[in-house]
Amino acid sequence: VALPEPARQARAYPHELSGGMIQRVMLAIALACAPALLV
């Protein structure tokens, strides 16, 4: 999901990320299991 430095960001808390970065995290969670449908 193009989050910069993913290994470092994985250790971050949500308040340490910008709005765009949080949205990328949400996309990563939604796509974790390769769903057929994304809402």
Full PDB file with SEQRES, HELIX, SHEET, SSBOND, CRYST1, ORIGX, SCALE, CONECT and MASTER records, all heavy atoms in Angstrom:
SEQRES   1 A   39  VAL ALA LEU PRO GLU PRO ALA ARG GLN ALA ARG ALA TYR          
SEQRES   2 A   39  PRO HIS GLU LEU SER GLY GLY MET ILE GLN ARG VAL MET          
SEQRES   3 A   39  LEU ALA ILE ALA LEU ALA CYS ALA PRO ALA LEU LEU VAL          
HELIX    1 AA1 PRO A    6  GLN A    9  1                                   4    
HELIX    2 AA2 PRO A   14  GLU A   16  5                                   3    
HELIX    3 AA3 GLY A   19  ALA A   30  1                                  12    
CRYST1    1.000    1.000    1.000  90.00  90.00  90.00 P 1           1          
ORIGX1      1.000000  0.000000  0.000000        0.00000                         
ORIGX2      0.000000  1.000000  0.000000        0.00000                         
ORIGX3      0.000000  0.000000  1.000000        0.00000                         
SCALE1      1.000000  0.000000  0.000000        0.00000                         
SCALE2      0.000000  1.000000  0.000000        0.00000                         
SCALE3      0.000000  0.000000  1.000000        0.00000                         
ATOM      1  N   VAL A   1       0.823  -1.218   0.000  1.00  0.00           N  
ATOM      2  CA  VAL A   1       0.000   0.000   0.000  1.00  0.00           C  
ATOM      3  C   VAL A   1       0.854   1.264   0.000  1.00  0.00           C  
ATOM      4  O   VAL A   1       0.361   2.362   0.260  1.00  0.00           O  
ATOM      5  CB  VAL A   1      -0.986   0.010   1.186  1.00  0.00           C  
ATOM      6  CG1 VAL A   1      -1.966  -1.145   1.074  1.00  0.00           C  
ATOM      7  CG2 VAL A   1      -0.255  -0.008   2.524  1.00  0.00           C  
ATOM      8  N   ALA A   2       2.136   1.092  -0.296  1.00  0.00           N  
ATOM      9  CA  ALA A   2       3.065   2.217  -0.482  1.00  0.00           C  
ATOM     10  C   ALA A   2       3.278   3.042   0.776  1.00  0.00           C  
ATOM     11  O   ALA A   2       3.457   4.258   0.713  1.00  0.00           O  
ATOM     12  CB  ALA A   2       2.595   3.113  -1.631  1.00  0.00           C  
ATOM     13  N   LEU A   3       3.252   2.383   1.945  1.00  0.00           N  
ATOM     14  CA  LEU A   3       3.608   3.076   3.177  1.00  0.00           C  
ATOM     15  C   LEU A   3       5.131   3.113   3.272  1.00  0.00           C  
ATOM     16  O   LEU A   3       5.779   2.064   3.217  1.00  0.00           O  
ATOM     17  CB  LEU A   3       3.016   2.346   4.383  1.00  0.00           C  
ATOM     18  CG  LEU A   3       2.909   3.120   5.692  1.00  0.00           C  
ATOM     19  CD1 LEU A   3       1.899   4.259   5.551  1.00  0.00           C  
ATOM     20  CD2 LEU A   3       2.496   2.205   6.825  1.00  0.00           C  
ATOM     21  N   PRO A   4       5.735   4.284   3.403  1.00  0.00           N  
ATOM     22  CA  PRO A   4       7.203   4.357   3.431  1.00  0.00           C  
ATOM     23  C   PRO A   4       7.770   3.672   4.675  1.00  0.00           C  
ATOM     24  O   PRO A   4       7.156   3.713   5.750  1.00  0.00           O  
ATOM     25  CB  PRO A   4       7.485   5.865   3.445  1.00  0.00           C  
ATOM     26  CG  PRO A   4       6.240   6.485   3.985  1.00  0.00           C  
ATOM     27  CD  PRO A   4       5.115   5.616   3.531  1.00  0.00           C  
ATOM     28  N   GLU A   5       8.908   3.037   4.507  1.00  0.00           N  
ATOM     29  CA  GLU A   5       9.585   2.338   5.597  1.00  0.00           C  
ATOM     30  C   GLU A   5       8.620   1.443   6.373  1.00  0.00           C  
ATOM     31  O   GLU A   5       8.354   1.645   7.560  1.00  0.00           O  
ATOM     32  CB  GLU A   5      10.234   3.340   6.560  1.00  0.00           C  
ATOM     33  CG  GLU A   5      11.272   4.238   5.908  1.00  0.00           C  
ATOM     34  CD  GLU A   5      11.909   5.173   6.930  1.00  0.00           C  
ATOM     35  OE1 GLU A   5      12.802   4.705   7.667  1.00  0.00           O  
ATOM     36  OE2 GLU A   5      11.477   6.344   6.986  1.00  0.00           O  
ATOM     37  N   PRO A   6       8.072   0.435   5.714  1.00  0.00           N  
ATOM     38  CA  PRO A   6       7.014  -0.373   6.346  1.00  0.00           C  
ATOM     39  C   PRO A   6       7.436  -1.043   7.647  1.00  0.00           C  
ATOM     40  O   PRO A   6       6.611  -1.156   8.569  1.00  0.00           O  
ATOM     41  CB  PRO A   6       6.664  -1.399   5.266  1.00  0.00           C  
ATOM     42  CG  PRO A   6       7.774  -1.347   4.275  1.00  0.00           C  
ATOM     43  CD  PRO A   6       8.334   0.013   4.332  1.00  0.00           C  
ATOM     44  N   ALA A   7       8.694  -1.484   7.754  1.00  0.00           N  
ATOM     45  CA  ALA A   7       9.127  -2.141   8.990  1.00  0.00           C  
ATOM     46  C   ALA A   7       9.069  -1.170  10.166  1.00  0.00           C  
ATOM     47  O   ALA A   7       8.654  -1.542  11.277  1.00  0.00           O  
ATOM     48  CB  ALA A   7      10.538  -2.695   8.817  1.00  0.00           C  
ATOM     49  N   ARG A   8       9.457   0.079   9.936  1.00  0.00           N  
ATOM     50  CA  ARG A   8       9.417   1.077  11.006  1.00  0.00           C  
ATOM     51  C   ARG A   8       7.987   1.492  11.313  1.00  0.00           C  
ATOM     52  O   ARG A   8       7.603   1.631  12.475  1.00  0.00           O  
ATOM     53  CB  ARG A   8      10.256   2.289  10.618  1.00  0.00           C  
ATOM     54  CG  ARG A   8      10.321   3.358  11.719  1.00  0.00           C  
ATOM     55  CD  ARG A   8      11.309   4.454  11.371  1.00  0.00           C  
ATOM     56  NE  ARG A   8      10.853   5.270  10.264  1.00  0.00           N  
ATOM     57  CZ  ARG A   8      10.036   6.315  10.409  1.00  0.00           C  
ATOM     58  NH1 ARG A   8       9.574   6.651  11.608  1.00  0.00           N  
ATOM     59  NH2 ARG A   8       9.670   7.016   9.356  1.00  0.00           N  
ATOM     60  N   GLN A   9       7.160   1.673  10.264  1.00  0.00           N  
ATOM     61  CA  GLN A   9       5.779   2.112  10.475  1.00  0.00           C  
ATOM     62  C   GLN A   9       4.955   1.046  11.188  1.00  0.00           C  
ATOM     63  O   GLN A   9       3.998   1.371  11.902  1.00  0.00           O  
ATOM     64  CB  GLN A   9       5.124   2.473   9.144  1.00  0.00           C  
ATOM     65  CG  GLN A   9       5.846   3.524   8.325  1.00  0.00           C  
ATOM     66  CD  GLN A   9       5.942   4.869   9.021  1.00  0.00           C  
ATOM     67  OE1 GLN A   9       5.379   5.066  10.091  1.00  0.00           O  
ATOM     68  NE2 GLN A   9       6.673   5.799   8.423  1.00  0.00           N  
ATOM     69  N   ALA A  10       5.327  -0.218  11.033  1.00  0.00           N  
ATOM     70  CA  ALA A  10       4.596  -1.289  11.713  1.00  0.00           C  
ATOM     71  C   ALA A  10       4.702  -1.151  13.229  1.00  0.00           C  
ATOM     72  O   ALA A  10       3.816  -1.604  13.963  1.00  0.00           O  
ATOM     73  CB  ALA A  10       5.118  -2.653  11.267  1.00  0.00           C  
ATOM     74  N   ARG A  11       5.766  -0.508  13.694  1.00  0.00           N  
ATOM     75  CA  ARG A  11       5.954  -0.327  15.136  1.00  0.00           C  
ATOM     76  C   ARG A  11       5.323   0.972  15.652  1.00  0.00           C  
ATOM     77  O   ARG A  11       5.344   1.246  16.856  1.00  0.00           O  
ATOM     78  CB  ARG A  11       7.453  -0.335  15.471  1.00  0.00           C  
ATOM     79  CG  ARG A  11       8.151  -1.652  15.132  1.00  0.00           C  
ATOM     80  CD  ARG A  11       9.548  -1.700  15.702  1.00  0.00           C  
ATOM     81  NE  ARG A  11      10.422  -0.698  15.094  1.00  0.00           N  
ATOM     82  CZ  ARG A  11      11.110  -0.877  13.972  1.00  0.00           C  
ATOM     83  NH1 ARG A  11      11.032  -2.045  13.324  1.00  0.00           N  
ATOM     84  NH2 ARG A  11      11.888   0.072  13.498  1.00  0.00           N  
ATOM     85  N   ALA A  12       4.764   1.773  14.764  1.00  0.00           N  
ATOM     86  CA  ALA A  12       4.188   3.063  15.151  1.00  0.00           C  
ATOM     87  C   ALA A  12       2.777   2.889  15.698  1.00  0.00           C  
ATOM     88  O   ALA A  12       2.095   1.888  15.438  1.00  0.00           O  
ATOM     89  CB  ALA A  12       4.175   4.004  13.950  1.00  0.00           C  
ATOM     90  N   TYR A  13       2.324   3.895  16.451  1.00  0.00           N  
ATOM     91  CA  TYR A  13       0.937   3.974  16.901  1.00  0.00           C  
ATOM     92  C   TYR A  13       0.159   4.878  15.937  1.00  0.00           C  
ATOM     93  O   TYR A  13       0.753   5.737  15.266  1.00  0.00           O  
ATOM     94  CB  TYR A  13       0.867   4.530  18.319  1.00  0.00           C  
ATOM     95  CG  TYR A  13       1.393   3.575  19.366  1.00  0.00           C  
ATOM     96  CD1 TYR A  13       2.711   3.668  19.813  1.00  0.00           C  
ATOM     97  CD2 TYR A  13       0.579   2.574  19.884  1.00  0.00           C  
ATOM     98  CE1 TYR A  13       3.208   2.787  20.765  1.00  0.00           C  
ATOM     99  CE2 TYR A  13       1.059   1.684  20.846  1.00  0.00           C  
ATOM    100  CZ  TYR A  13       2.378   1.799  21.275  1.00  0.00           C  
ATOM    101  OH  TYR A  13       2.857   0.912  22.208  1.00  0.00           O  
ATOM    102  N   PRO A  14      -1.161   4.700  15.833  1.00  0.00           N  
ATOM    103  CA  PRO A  14      -1.934   5.493  14.863  1.00  0.00           C  
ATOM    104  C   PRO A  14      -1.722   7.001  14.975  1.00  0.00           C  
ATOM    105  O   PRO A  14      -1.658   7.698  13.957  1.00  0.00           O  
ATOM    106  CB  PRO A  14      -3.378   5.102  15.178  1.00  0.00           C  
ATOM    107  CG  PRO A  14      -3.286   3.702  15.679  1.00  0.00           C  
ATOM    108  CD  PRO A  14      -2.006   3.669  16.479  1.00  0.00           C  
ATOM    109  N   HIS A  15      -1.573   7.540  16.206  1.00  0.00           N  
ATOM    110  CA  HIS A  15      -1.436   8.985  16.338  1.00  0.00           C  
ATOM    111  C   HIS A  15      -0.115   9.509  15.770  1.00  0.00           C  
ATOM    112  O   HIS A  15       0.058  10.709  15.589  1.00  0.00           O  
ATOM    113  CB  HIS A  15      -1.569   9.406  17.812  1.00  0.00           C  
ATOM    114  CG  HIS A  15      -0.384   9.037  18.661  1.00  0.00           C  
ATOM    115  ND1 HIS A  15      -0.296   7.827  19.330  1.00  0.00           N  
ATOM    116  CD2 HIS A  15       0.762   9.713  18.948  1.00  0.00           C  
ATOM    117  CE1 HIS A  15       0.844   7.782  19.993  1.00  0.00           C  
ATOM    118  NE2 HIS A  15       1.506   8.911  19.782  1.00  0.00           N  
ATOM    119  N   GLU A  16       0.814   8.603  15.484  1.00  0.00           N  
ATOM    120  CA  GLU A  16       2.106   9.006  14.927  1.00  0.00           C  
ATOM    121  C   GLU A  16       2.075   9.070  13.398  1.00  0.00           C  
ATOM    122  O   GLU A  16       3.070   9.450  12.781  1.00  0.00           O  
ATOM    123  CB  GLU A  16       3.200   8.029  15.380  1.00  0.00           C  
ATOM    124  CG  GLU A  16       3.400   8.004  16.885  1.00  0.00           C  
ATOM    125  CD  GLU A  16       4.422   6.978  17.327  1.00  0.00           C  
ATOM    126  OE1 GLU A  16       4.186   5.775  17.123  1.00  0.00           O  
ATOM    127  OE2 GLU A  16       5.463   7.385  17.881  1.00  0.00           O  
ATOM    128  N   LEU A  17       0.949   8.710  12.806  1.00  0.00           N  
ATOM    129  CA  LEU A  17       0.822   8.685  11.351  1.00  0.00           C  
ATOM    130  C   LEU A  17      -0.081   9.804  10.863  1.00  0.00           C  
ATOM    131  O   LEU A  17      -0.990  10.244  11.570  1.00  0.00           O  
ATOM    132  CB  LEU A  17       0.262   7.337  10.891  1.00  0.00           C  
ATOM    133  CG  LEU A  17       0.997   6.075  11.333  1.00  0.00           C  
ATOM    134  CD1 LEU A  17       0.326   4.847  10.740  1.00  0.00           C  
ATOM    135  CD2 LEU A  17       2.471   6.123  10.936  1.00  0.00           C  
ATOM    136  N   SER A  18       0.146  10.230   9.628  1.00  0.00           N  
ATOM    137  CA  SER A  18      -0.724  11.227   8.998  1.00  0.00           C  
ATOM    138  C   SER A  18      -2.020  10.558   8.535  1.00  0.00           C  
ATOM    139  O   SER A  18      -2.135   9.315   8.519  1.00  0.00           O  
ATOM    140  CB  SER A  18      -0.021  11.857   7.798  1.00  0.00           C  
ATOM    141  OG  SER A  18       0.132  10.884   6.763  1.00  0.00           O  
ATOM    142  N   GLY A  19      -2.999  11.395   8.122  1.00  0.00           N  
ATOM    143  CA  GLY A  19      -4.262  10.848   7.645  1.00  0.00           C  
ATOM    144  C   GLY A  19      -4.094   9.934   6.446  1.00  0.00           C  
ATOM    145  O   GLY A  19      -4.718   8.871   6.365  1.00  0.00           O  
ATOM    146  N   GLY A  20      -3.245  10.333   5.500  1.00  0.00           N  
ATOM    147  CA  GLY A  20      -3.016   9.501   4.327  1.00  0.00           C  
ATOM    148  C   GLY A  20      -2.355   8.180   4.672  1.00  0.00           C  
ATOM    149  O   GLY A  20      -2.675   7.132   4.098  1.00  0.00           O  
ATOM    150  N   MET A  21      -1.436   8.201   5.648  1.00  0.00           N  
ATOM    151  CA  MET A  21      -0.762   6.969   6.069  1.00  0.00           C  
ATOM    152  C   MET A  21      -1.736   6.035   6.779  1.00  0.00           C  
ATOM    153  O   MET A  21      -1.704   4.810   6.571  1.00  0.00           O  
ATOM    154  CB  MET A  21       0.421   7.317   6.968  1.00  0.00           C  
ATOM    155  CG  MET A  21       1.537   8.084   6.243  1.00  0.00           C  
ATOM    156  SD  MET A  21       2.746   8.792   7.374  1.00  0.00           S  
ATOM    157  CE  MET A  21       3.722   7.347   7.768  1.00  0.00           C  
ATOM    158  N   ILE A  22      -2.628   6.605   7.596  1.00  0.00           N  
ATOM    159  CA  ILE A  22      -3.637   5.780   8.275  1.00  0.00           C  
ATOM    160  C   ILE A  22      -4.550   5.118   7.251  1.00  0.00           C  
ATOM    161  O   ILE A  22      -4.904   3.944   7.383  1.00  0.00           O  
ATOM    162  CB  ILE A  22      -4.446   6.638   9.262  1.00  0.00           C  
ATOM    163  CG1 ILE A  22      -3.577   7.033  10.458  1.00  0.00           C  
ATOM    164  CG2 ILE A  22      -5.690   5.898   9.740  1.00  0.00           C  
ATOM    165  CD1 ILE A  22      -4.249   7.971  11.421  1.00  0.00           C  
ATOM    166  N   GLN A  23      -4.910   5.870   6.213  1.00  0.00           N  
ATOM    167  CA  GLN A  23      -5.761   5.292   5.180  1.00  0.00           C  
ATOM    168  C   GLN A  23      -5.058   4.128   4.484  1.00  0.00           C  
ATOM    169  O   GLN A  23      -5.694   3.119   4.139  1.00  0.00           O  
ATOM    170  CB  GLN A  23      -6.173   6.366   4.168  1.00  0.00           C  
ATOM    171  CG  GLN A  23      -7.294   5.964   3.237  1.00  0.00           C  
ATOM    172  CD  GLN A  23      -8.582   5.668   3.969  1.00  0.00           C  
ATOM    173  OE1 GLN A  23      -8.743   4.603   4.558  1.00  0.00           O  
ATOM    174  NE2 GLN A  23      -9.515   6.611   3.932  1.00  0.00           N  
ATOM    175  N   ARG A  24      -3.758   4.231   4.291  1.00  0.00           N  
ATOM    176  CA  ARG A  24      -2.997   3.125   3.694  1.00  0.00           C  
ATOM    177  C   ARG A  24      -2.985   1.911   4.618  1.00  0.00           C  
ATOM    178  O   ARG A  24      -3.063   0.760   4.156  1.00  0.00           O  
ATOM    179  CB  ARG A  24      -1.581   3.587   3.372  1.00  0.00           C  
ATOM    180  CG  ARG A  24      -1.518   4.632   2.274  1.00  0.00           C  
ATOM    181  CD  ARG A  24      -0.109   5.217   2.120  1.00  0.00           C  
ATOM    182  NE  ARG A  24      -0.141   6.396   1.281  1.00  0.00           N  
ATOM    183  CZ  ARG A  24      -0.012   6.384  -0.047  1.00  0.00           C  
ATOM    184  NH1 ARG A  24       0.168   5.229  -0.676  1.00  0.00           N  
ATOM    185  NH2 ARG A  24      -0.048   7.495  -0.757  1.00  0.00           N  
ATOM    186  N   VAL A  25      -2.894   2.147   5.921  1.00  0.00           N  
ATOM    187  CA  VAL A  25      -2.952   1.039   6.878  1.00  0.00           C  
ATOM    188  C   VAL A  25      -4.309   0.345   6.791  1.00  0.00           C  
ATOM    189  O   VAL A  25      -4.395  -0.890   6.793  1.00  0.00           O  
ATOM    190  CB  VAL A  25      -2.691   1.543   8.306  1.00  0.00           C  
ATOM    191  CG1 VAL A  25      -2.934   0.425   9.327  1.00  0.00           C  
ATOM    192  CG2 VAL A  25      -1.261   2.065   8.436  1.00  0.00           C  
ATOM    193  N   MET A  26      -5.372   1.131   6.701  1.00  0.00           N  
ATOM    194  CA  MET A  26      -6.709   0.544   6.593  1.00  0.00           C  
ATOM    195  C   MET A  26      -6.831  -0.307   5.331  1.00  0.00           C  
ATOM    196  O   MET A  26      -7.467  -1.369   5.347  1.00  0.00           O  
ATOM    197  CB  MET A  26      -7.766   1.644   6.589  1.00  0.00           C  
ATOM    198  CG  MET A  26      -7.900   2.395   7.905  1.00  0.00           C  
ATOM    199  SD  MET A  26      -8.353   1.327   9.292  1.00  0.00           S  
ATOM    200  CE  MET A  26      -9.925   0.685   8.739  1.00  0.00           C  
ATOM    201  N   LEU A  27      -6.234   0.158   4.245  1.00  0.00           N  
ATOM    202  CA  LEU A  27      -6.250  -0.637   3.013  1.00  0.00           C  
ATOM    203  C   LEU A  27      -5.467  -1.935   3.198  1.00  0.00           C  
ATOM    204  O   LEU A  27      -5.882  -2.996   2.716  1.00  0.00           O  
ATOM    205  CB  LEU A  27      -5.665   0.176   1.858  1.00  0.00           C  
ATOM    206  CG  LEU A  27      -6.592   1.223   1.243  1.00  0.00           C  
ATOM    207  CD1 LEU A  27      -5.817   2.163   0.330  1.00  0.00           C  
ATOM    208  CD2 LEU A  27      -7.714   0.552   0.462  1.00  0.00           C  
ATOM    209  N   ALA A  28      -4.327  -1.864   3.907  1.00  0.00           N  
ATOM    210  CA  ALA A  28      -3.541  -3.076   4.147  1.00  0.00           C  
ATOM    211  C   ALA A  28      -4.346  -4.092   4.948  1.00  0.00           C  
ATOM    212  O   ALA A  28      -4.322  -5.296   4.661  1.00  0.00           O  
ATOM    213  CB  ALA A  28      -2.248  -2.715   4.883  1.00  0.00           C  
ATOM    214  N   ILE A  29      -5.091  -3.615   5.962  1.00  0.00           N  
ATOM    215  CA  ILE A  29      -5.925  -4.520   6.769  1.00  0.00           C  
ATOM    216  C   ILE A  29      -7.021  -5.130   5.905  1.00  0.00           C  
ATOM    217  O   ILE A  29      -7.287  -6.335   5.955  1.00  0.00           O  
ATOM    218  CB  ILE A  29      -6.521  -3.759   7.964  1.00  0.00           C  
ATOM    219  CG1 ILE A  29      -5.423  -3.341   8.942  1.00  0.00           C  
ATOM    220  CG2 ILE A  29      -7.574  -4.615   8.678  1.00  0.00           C  
ATOM    221  CD1 ILE A  29      -5.896  -2.413  10.045  1.00  0.00           C  
ATOM    222  N   ALA A  30      -7.665  -4.300   5.079  1.00  0.00           N  
ATOM    223  CA  ALA A  30      -8.762  -4.786   4.234  1.00  0.00           C  
ATOM    224  C   ALA A  30      -8.290  -5.811   3.219  1.00  0.00           C  
ATOM    225  O   ALA A  30      -9.033  -6.717   2.847  1.00  0.00           O  
ATOM    226  CB  ALA A  30      -9.425  -3.605   3.523  1.00  0.00           C  
ATOM    227  N   LEU A  31      -7.035  -5.687   2.773  1.00  0.00           N  
ATOM    228  CA  LEU A  31      -6.516  -6.567   1.724  1.00  0.00           C  
ATOM    229  C   LEU A  31      -5.699  -7.729   2.274  1.00  0.00           C  
ATOM    230  O   LEU A  31      -5.182  -8.528   1.498  1.00  0.00           O  
ATOM    231  CB  LEU A  31      -5.642  -5.754   0.757  1.00  0.00           C  
ATOM    232  CG  LEU A  31      -6.352  -4.634  -0.003  1.00  0.00           C  
ATOM    233  CD1 LEU A  31      -5.344  -3.811  -0.802  1.00  0.00           C  
ATOM    234  CD2 LEU A  31      -7.416  -5.196  -0.930  1.00  0.00           C  
ATOM    235  N   ALA A  32      -5.600  -7.842   3.594  1.00  0.00           N  
ATOM    236  CA  ALA A  32      -4.708  -8.829   4.207  1.00  0.00           C  
ATOM    237  C   ALA A  32      -4.983 -10.251   3.738  1.00  0.00           C  
ATOM    238  O   ALA A  32      -4.062 -11.059   3.612  1.00  0.00           O  
ATOM    239  CB  ALA A  32      -4.819  -8.743   5.731  1.00  0.00           C  
ATOM    240  N   CYS A  33      -6.236 -10.562   3.489  1.00  0.00           N  
ATOM    241  CA  CYS A  33      -6.596 -11.941   3.121  1.00  0.00           C  
ATOM    242  C   CYS A  33      -7.061 -12.057   1.681  1.00  0.00           C  
ATOM    243  O   CYS A  33      -7.807 -12.977   1.325  1.00  0.00           O  
ATOM    244  CB  CYS A  33      -7.655 -12.469   4.076  1.00  0.00           C  
ATOM    245  SG  CYS A  33      -7.084 -12.492   5.792  1.00  0.00           S  
ATOM    246  N   ALA A  34      -6.631 -11.103   0.832  1.00  0.00           N  
ATOM    247  CA  ALA A  34      -6.946 -11.117  -0.602  1.00  0.00           C  
ATOM    248  C   ALA A  34      -8.435 -11.297  -0.855  1.00  0.00           C  
ATOM    249  O   ALA A  34      -8.868 -12.279  -1.471  1.00  0.00           O  
ATOM    250  CB  ALA A  34      -6.149 -12.210  -1.320  1.00  0.00           C  
ATOM    251  N   PRO A  35      -9.281 -10.369  -0.390  1.00  0.00           N  
ATOM    252  CA  PRO A  35     -10.737 -10.515  -0.576  1.00  0.00           C  
ATOM    253  C   PRO A  35     -11.132 -10.369  -2.038  1.00  0.00           C  
ATOM    254  O   PRO A  35     -10.387  -9.808  -2.848  1.00  0.00           O  
ATOM    255  CB  PRO A  35     -11.302  -9.363   0.260  1.00  0.00           C  
ATOM    256  CG  PRO A  35     -10.227  -8.320   0.213  1.00  0.00           C  
ATOM    257  CD  PRO A  35      -8.936  -9.089   0.245  1.00  0.00           C  
ATOM    258  N   ALA A  36     -12.326 -10.851  -2.349  1.00  0.00           N  
ATOM    259  CA  ALA A  36     -12.861 -10.687  -3.703  1.00  0.00           C  
ATOM    260  C   ALA A  36     -13.546  -9.335  -3.851  1.00  0.00           C  
ATOM    261  O   ALA A  36     -13.570  -8.751  -4.934  1.00  0.00           O  
ATOM    262  CB  ALA A  36     -13.849 -11.807  -4.012  1.00  0.00           C  
ATOM    263  N   LEU A  37     -14.124  -8.830  -2.749  1.00  0.00           N  
ATOM    264  CA  LEU A  37     -14.879  -7.578  -2.769  1.00  0.00           C  
ATOM    265  C   LEU A  37     -14.308  -6.631  -1.731  1.00  0.00           C  
ATOM    266  O   LEU A  37     -14.077  -7.025  -0.576  1.00  0.00           O  
ATOM    267  CB  LEU A  37     -16.359  -7.850  -2.469  1.00  0.00           C  
ATOM    268  CG  LEU A  37     -17.269  -6.635  -2.249  1.00  0.00           C  
ATOM    269  CD1 LEU A  37     -17.345  -5.765  -3.502  1.00  0.00           C  
ATOM    270  CD2 LEU A  37     -18.668  -7.086  -1.815  1.00  0.00           C  
ATOM    271  N   LEU A  38     -14.092  -5.389  -2.127  1.00  0.00           N  
ATOM    272  CA  LEU A  38     -13.648  -4.345  -1.202  1.00  0.00           C  
ATOM    273  C   LEU A  38     -14.733  -3.290  -1.114  1.00  0.00           C  
ATOM    274  O   LEU A  38     -15.152  -2.722  -2.125  1.00  0.00           O  
ATOM    275  CB  LEU A  38     -12.348  -3.703  -1.698  1.00  0.00           C  
ATOM    276  CG  LEU A  38     -11.825  -2.528  -0.865  1.00  0.00           C  
ATOM    277  CD1 LEU A  38     -11.399  -3.003   0.522  1.00  0.00           C  
ATOM    278  CD2 LEU A  38     -10.671  -1.826  -1.569  1.00  0.00           C  
ATOM    279  N   VAL A  39     -15.220  -3.039   0.099  1.00  0.00           N  
ATOM    280  CA  VAL A  39     -16.182  -1.961   0.353  1.00  0.00           C  
ATOM    281  C   VAL A  39     -15.382  -0.775   0.885  1.00  0.00           C  
ATOM    282  O   VAL A  39     -14.810  -0.858   1.976  1.00  0.00           O  
ATOM    283  CB  VAL A  39     -17.263  -2.385   1.361  1.00  0.00           C  
ATOM    284  CG1 VAL A  39     -18.249  -1.248   1.598  1.00  0.00           C  
ATOM    285  CG2 VAL A  39     -17.993  -3.628   0.869  1.00  0.00           C  
TER     286      VAL A  39                                                      
MASTER        0    0    0    3    0    0    0    6  285    1    0    3          
END                                                                             
